[in-house]
Amino acid sequence: MLMICGPSWPDFEFENEDAQNSFRINDHCIRLANQTKGINDQIHTIRTANSVWDGSLVLAKYLERNQSYLDLSNKSVIEIGAGRGIVGLSCAVLGPKSVVLTDVEPIIPTLMKSISLNKLSNITASALDWNDNAGINQKFDLILASDVVWVYELIEPLVFTLKNLTHATSTILLSHQSRSTRADVHLFELLTQHGFKYELIDKSLLDPVIQRDVINIYKIVR
């Protein structure tokens, strides 16, 4: 059984924008909708999508801290395996041309509610199955992914999805917490086989508070 550590920041408030412990990006309070009723959370991909994982907070704060360097203003952005949508919502606050949050179909209504709560006009949500990329027929400038490497069998579809979503100058930012050496080796071997190059982003570029030794951010390009 794969053991997944729970979030390290359980005290952030995502439902009340006036709370002192709200999660803020550029002083915008990121709000999250409650899970849509009737979803079968016994399915692993749905259950994990309902949590706010450390990696998403680390990546969101990295985007905020490095927004000038990333120059998001005219970029098209997609978040894959968005879950609660923290990363994509945070990115949308920073002013890119467009953001698409993606996950499995049952998660999309909740993501749409979160978009509405945050009153953002440059972001939408769409279903994306890594085993069938038919729903997204577009290349993106920036691809965001956080805590998406945890099921070995999904690594190959993940890499194929990344290939389908990128053009020659796209950048992928992957927030990753190692949970299996076997899975890590498989991921980076497949990335290399498909023409990607990757580098570890220095910890000094991460938010000084919202970071963890076990969480790394990788920059991946073709």
Protein backbone atom coordinates (compact mmCIF):
# COMPACT_ATOMS: atom_id res chain seq x y z
CA MET A 1 0.00 0.00 0.00
CA LEU A 2 1.28 3.48 -0.89
CA MET A 3 1.49 5.66 2.19
CA ILE A 4 0.77 9.35 1.55
CA CYS A 5 1.63 11.84 4.27
CA GLY A 6 -1.10 14.32 5.05
CA PRO A 7 -0.82 18.09 4.80
CA SER A 8 1.55 19.93 7.15
CA TRP A 9 -0.50 23.15 7.20
CA PRO A 10 -3.93 22.11 8.50
CA ASP A 11 -4.70 25.55 9.93
CA PHE A 12 -5.20 27.59 6.77
CA GLU A 13 -8.77 28.76 6.37
CA PHE A 14 -10.10 28.50 2.82
CA GLU A 15 -13.80 29.15 3.36
CA ASN A 16 -13.79 32.51 5.16
CA GLU A 17 -11.99 35.36 3.42
CA ASP A 18 -11.95 37.41 6.64
CA ALA A 19 -10.14 34.73 8.66
CA GLN A 20 -6.73 35.72 10.05
CA ASN A 21 -5.24 32.44 8.88
CA SER A 22 -6.46 32.68 5.28
CA PHE A 23 -4.13 31.68 2.45
CA ARG A 24 -3.25 34.77 0.45
CA ILE A 25 -1.59 35.42 -2.89
CA ASN A 26 -0.81 39.07 -3.66
CA ASP A 27 -3.16 39.81 -0.74
CA HIS A 28 -6.00 37.96 -2.49
CA CYS A 29 -7.62 35.41 -0.18
CA ILE A 30 -7.80 32.06 -1.97
CA ARG A 31 -11.18 30.51 -1.27
CA LEU A 32 -12.16 26.91 -1.89
CA ALA A 33 -15.62 25.43 -2.33
CA ASN A 34 -16.71 22.42 -0.33
CA GLN A 35 -16.79 19.08 -2.10
CA THR A 36 -19.82 18.59 -4.33
CA LYS A 37 -22.33 16.25 -2.69
CA GLY A 38 -22.79 12.80 -4.14
CA ILE A 39 -19.17 12.28 -5.20
CA ASN A 40 -17.85 8.79 -4.46
CA ASP A 41 -14.76 9.66 -2.39
CA GLN A 42 -13.85 5.98 -2.04
CA ILE A 43 -12.23 6.25 -5.48
CA HIS A 44 -8.55 7.01 -4.84
CA THR A 45 -8.16 9.76 -7.45
CA ILE A 46 -11.22 11.56 -6.06
CA ARG A 47 -10.28 11.11 -2.41
CA THR A 48 -6.81 12.59 -2.93
CA ALA A 49 -8.28 15.44 -4.99
CA ASN A 50 -10.30 16.57 -1.98
CA SER A 51 -7.22 17.36 0.12
CA VAL A 52 -5.00 20.43 0.11
CA TRP A 53 -1.51 18.97 -0.19
CA ASP A 54 1.69 20.65 0.93
CA GLY A 55 3.14 20.60 -2.55
CA SER A 56 0.33 22.77 -3.90
CA LEU A 57 0.94 25.45 -1.27
CA VAL A 58 4.68 25.38 -1.90
CA LEU A 59 4.19 25.79 -5.66
CA ALA A 60 1.56 28.51 -5.26
CA LYS A 61 3.88 30.54 -3.05
CA TYR A 62 6.78 29.94 -5.44
CA LEU A 63 4.70 31.46 -8.24
CA GLU A 64 3.91 34.49 -6.11
CA ARG A 65 7.53 34.98 -5.03
CA ASN A 66 8.86 34.69 -8.60
CA GLN A 67 6.05 36.30 -10.57
CA SER A 68 8.28 38.97 -12.13
CA TYR A 69 10.80 36.39 -13.34
CA LEU A 70 8.07 34.10 -14.66
CA ASP A 71 6.47 36.98 -16.61
CA LEU A 72 3.01 35.46 -16.61
CA SER A 73 1.12 38.36 -18.21
CA ASN A 74 0.67 36.90 -21.69
CA LYS A 75 0.96 33.23 -20.88
CA SER A 76 -1.59 30.46 -21.27
CA VAL A 77 -1.50 28.18 -18.22
CA ILE A 78 -2.93 24.78 -17.38
CA GLU A 79 -2.88 22.93 -14.07
CA ILE A 80 -3.12 19.14 -14.34
CA GLY A 81 -4.36 17.00 -11.46
CA ALA A 82 -5.59 20.23 -9.92
CA GLY A 83 -7.48 18.69 -6.99
CA ARG A 84 -8.74 21.65 -4.98
CA GLY A 85 -7.18 24.03 -7.51
CA ILE A 86 -4.90 25.96 -5.16
CA VAL A 87 -2.05 26.30 -7.65
CA GLY A 88 -4.13 27.32 -10.64
CA LEU A 89 -6.28 29.73 -8.64
CA SER A 90 -3.16 31.31 -7.17
CA CYS A 91 -1.62 31.60 -10.62
CA ALA A 92 -4.77 33.26 -11.98
CA VAL A 93 -4.46 35.97 -9.32
CA LEU A 94 -1.00 36.81 -10.71
CA GLY A 95 -2.49 37.88 -14.04
CA PRO A 96 -1.74 35.40 -16.84
CA LYS A 97 -3.75 35.53 -20.07
CA SER A 98 -5.66 32.36 -19.17
CA VAL A 99 -5.66 29.42 -16.75
CA VAL A 100 -7.38 26.04 -17.10
CA LEU A 101 -7.82 23.82 -14.06
CA THR A 102 -8.08 20.14 -14.95
CA ASP A 103 -8.85 16.94 -13.11
CA VAL A 104 -11.17 13.96 -13.41
CA GLU A 105 -14.78 14.74 -14.35
CA PRO A 106 -16.38 14.44 -10.85
CA ILE A 107 -14.06 17.15 -9.48
CA ILE A 108 -14.93 19.80 -12.08
CA PRO A 109 -18.16 21.14 -10.48
CA THR A 110 -16.30 21.86 -7.23
CA LEU A 111 -13.50 23.60 -9.13
CA MET A 112 -16.06 25.75 -10.96
CA LYS A 113 -17.56 26.78 -7.62
CA SER A 114 -14.10 27.72 -6.34
CA ILE A 115 -13.52 29.84 -9.44
CA SER A 116 -16.79 31.65 -8.75
CA LEU A 117 -15.88 32.22 -5.10
CA ASN A 118 -12.61 33.87 -6.11
CA LYS A 119 -14.27 36.16 -8.68
CA LEU A 120 -11.59 35.52 -11.30
CA SER A 121 -12.37 36.05 -14.99
CA ASN A 122 -9.24 34.54 -16.55
CA ILE A 123 -9.73 30.96 -15.36
CA THR A 124 -11.96 28.00 -16.15
CA ALA A 125 -12.06 24.26 -15.41
CA SER A 126 -12.22 21.26 -17.72
CA ALA A 127 -12.09 17.48 -17.32
CA LEU A 128 -8.84 15.84 -18.39
CA ASP A 129 -8.20 12.12 -18.19
CA TRP A 130 -4.47 11.36 -18.59
CA ASN A 131 -5.39 8.14 -20.36
CA ASP A 132 -7.44 10.05 -22.92
CA ASN A 133 -6.36 13.61 -23.72
CA ALA A 134 -9.20 14.19 -26.17
CA GLY A 135 -10.79 16.89 -24.00
CA ILE A 136 -7.91 19.37 -24.35
CA ASN A 137 -6.76 20.26 -27.88
CA GLN A 138 -4.36 23.07 -27.05
CA LYS A 139 -0.71 23.68 -26.24
CA PHE A 140 0.13 25.81 -23.20
CA ASP A 141 3.00 28.12 -22.28
CA LEU A 142 3.09 27.00 -18.66
CA ILE A 143 1.99 23.66 -17.22
CA LEU A 144 1.59 23.37 -13.44
CA ALA A 145 1.51 20.09 -11.56
CA SER A 146 1.66 19.37 -7.86
CA ASP A 147 1.69 16.03 -6.03
CA VAL A 148 0.74 14.14 -9.16
CA VAL A 149 3.26 11.28 -8.89
CA TRP A 150 1.87 8.69 -6.51
CA VAL A 151 0.39 5.85 -8.56
CA TYR A 152 3.02 4.02 -10.63
CA GLU A 153 0.59 3.03 -13.37
CA LEU A 154 -0.33 6.68 -13.97
CA ILE A 155 3.22 7.91 -14.57
CA GLU A 156 3.36 6.95 -18.24
CA PRO A 157 -0.05 8.56 -19.01
CA LEU A 158 1.13 11.63 -17.07
CA VAL A 159 4.25 12.02 -19.22
CA PHE A 160 2.24 11.50 -22.43
CA THR A 161 -0.17 14.19 -21.22
CA LEU A 162 2.69 16.59 -20.56
CA LYS A 163 4.01 15.94 -24.06
CA ASN A 164 0.59 16.58 -25.59
CA LEU A 165 0.14 19.87 -23.72
CA THR A 166 3.54 21.40 -24.47
CA HIS A 167 5.05 23.23 -27.42
CA ALA A 168 8.74 23.81 -28.11
CA THR A 169 9.11 26.67 -25.59
CA SER A 170 6.68 25.52 -22.88
CA THR A 171 7.73 25.29 -19.25
CA ILE A 172 6.48 22.70 -16.79
CA LEU A 173 6.70 23.38 -13.05
CA LEU A 174 6.34 20.19 -11.03
CA SER A 175 6.05 20.28 -7.25
CA HIS A 176 7.08 16.82 -6.13
CA GLN A 177 7.35 14.90 -2.88
CA SER A 178 9.09 11.57 -3.33
CA ARG A 179 7.01 8.66 -2.10
CA SER A 180 8.61 5.84 -4.09
CA THR A 181 12.13 5.62 -5.50
CA ARG A 182 10.83 3.24 -8.16
CA ALA A 183 8.22 5.78 -9.23
CA ASP A 184 10.74 8.62 -9.27
CA VAL A 185 13.17 6.69 -11.46
CA HIS A 186 10.37 5.76 -13.85
CA LEU A 187 9.16 9.37 -14.08
CA PHE A 188 12.52 10.93 -14.87
CA GLU A 189 13.50 8.14 -17.27
CA LEU A 190 10.27 8.65 -19.22
CA LEU A 191 10.71 12.42 -19.26
CA THR A 192 14.19 11.97 -20.73
CA GLN A 193 12.99 9.41 -23.27
CA HIS A 194 10.35 11.86 -24.49
CA GLY A 195 12.84 14.68 -25.00
CA PHE A 196 12.33 16.62 -21.80
CA LYS A 197 15.10 18.16 -19.72
CA TYR A 198 14.63 18.87 -16.03
CA GLU A 199 16.38 20.82 -13.30
CA LEU A 200 15.81 21.20 -9.58
CA ILE A 201 14.86 24.72 -8.52
CA ASP A 202 17.03 26.00 -5.70
CA LYS A 203 15.30 26.16 -2.32
CA SER A 204 16.40 29.79 -1.93
CA LEU A 205 13.85 30.72 -4.59
CA LEU A 206 10.97 29.21 -2.60
CA ASP A 207 8.91 31.05 -0.03
CA PRO A 208 10.98 31.08 3.19
CA VAL A 209 8.03 29.91 5.29
CA ILE A 210 5.91 27.75 2.97
CA GLN A 211 8.47 25.12 2.04
CA ARG A 212 9.50 21.65 3.22
CA ASP A 213 12.77 19.76 2.90
CA VAL A 214 10.93 16.82 1.33
CA ILE A 215 9.20 18.89 -1.36
CA ASN A 216 11.07 19.90 -4.50
CA ILE A 217 10.06 21.98 -7.48
CA TYR A 218 11.37 20.90 -10.87
CA LYS A 219 11.52 23.03 -14.00
CA ILE A 220 10.96 20.83 -17.04
CA VAL A 221 11.44 21.95 -20.63
CA ARG A 222 11.90 20.36 -24.05
